[in-house]
Protein backbone atom coordinates (compact mmCIF):
# COMPACT_ATOMS: atom_id res chain seq x y z
CA MET A 1 -17.11 177.93 291.93
CA THR A 2 -16.79 179.61 288.50
CA HIS A 3 -16.27 183.44 287.53
CA PRO A 4 -16.52 185.39 284.18
CA ARG A 5 -13.19 185.60 282.65
CA TYR A 6 -12.39 189.25 281.81
CA THR A 7 -9.96 190.49 278.96
CA GLN A 8 -7.56 193.31 279.81
CA GLN A 9 -9.39 195.50 277.35
CA GLN A 10 -12.75 194.59 279.06
CA LEU A 11 -11.45 195.66 282.17
CA GLN A 12 -10.15 199.11 280.98
CA HIS A 13 -13.47 200.09 280.26
CA LYS A 14 -14.96 199.49 283.65
CA SER A 15 -15.33 201.90 286.62
CA ILE A 16 -12.95 201.89 289.79
CA ALA A 17 -16.00 200.94 291.72
CA ARG A 18 -17.24 197.89 289.34
CA LEU A 19 -13.32 196.61 289.60
CA LYS A 20 -13.38 196.60 293.45
CA GLN A 21 -16.76 194.81 293.13
CA ILE A 22 -15.50 192.00 290.78
CA TYR A 23 -12.10 191.82 292.85
CA THR A 24 -14.44 191.08 296.21
CA GLU A 25 -16.75 188.50 294.03
CA ILE A 26 -13.56 186.29 292.91
CA ALA A 27 -12.41 186.83 297.05
CA CYS A 28 -9.02 187.78 295.59
CA THR A 29 -6.70 187.95 298.91
CA VAL A 30 -3.65 190.11 297.17
CA GLU A 31 -3.37 193.59 298.66
CA VAL A 32 -3.81 196.05 296.00
CA VAL A 33 -2.08 199.57 296.29
CA ASP A 34 -3.02 202.23 294.00
CA LYS A 35 -0.19 203.98 292.91
CA ARG A 36 -1.45 206.80 290.88
CA CYS A 37 -1.46 210.54 291.55
CA LYS A 38 -4.20 212.15 293.16
CA ASP A 39 -5.32 215.36 291.79
CA ALA A 40 -4.29 218.45 293.74
């Protein structure tokens, strides 16, 4: 099974929801921990 290849620049312009969808589509099994600060 082949998947489209994305450059870092392409991924930077995608929304978090779309990035999560891509992550699921490629069946990635690495746990991602979001370390960004949340707005108070």
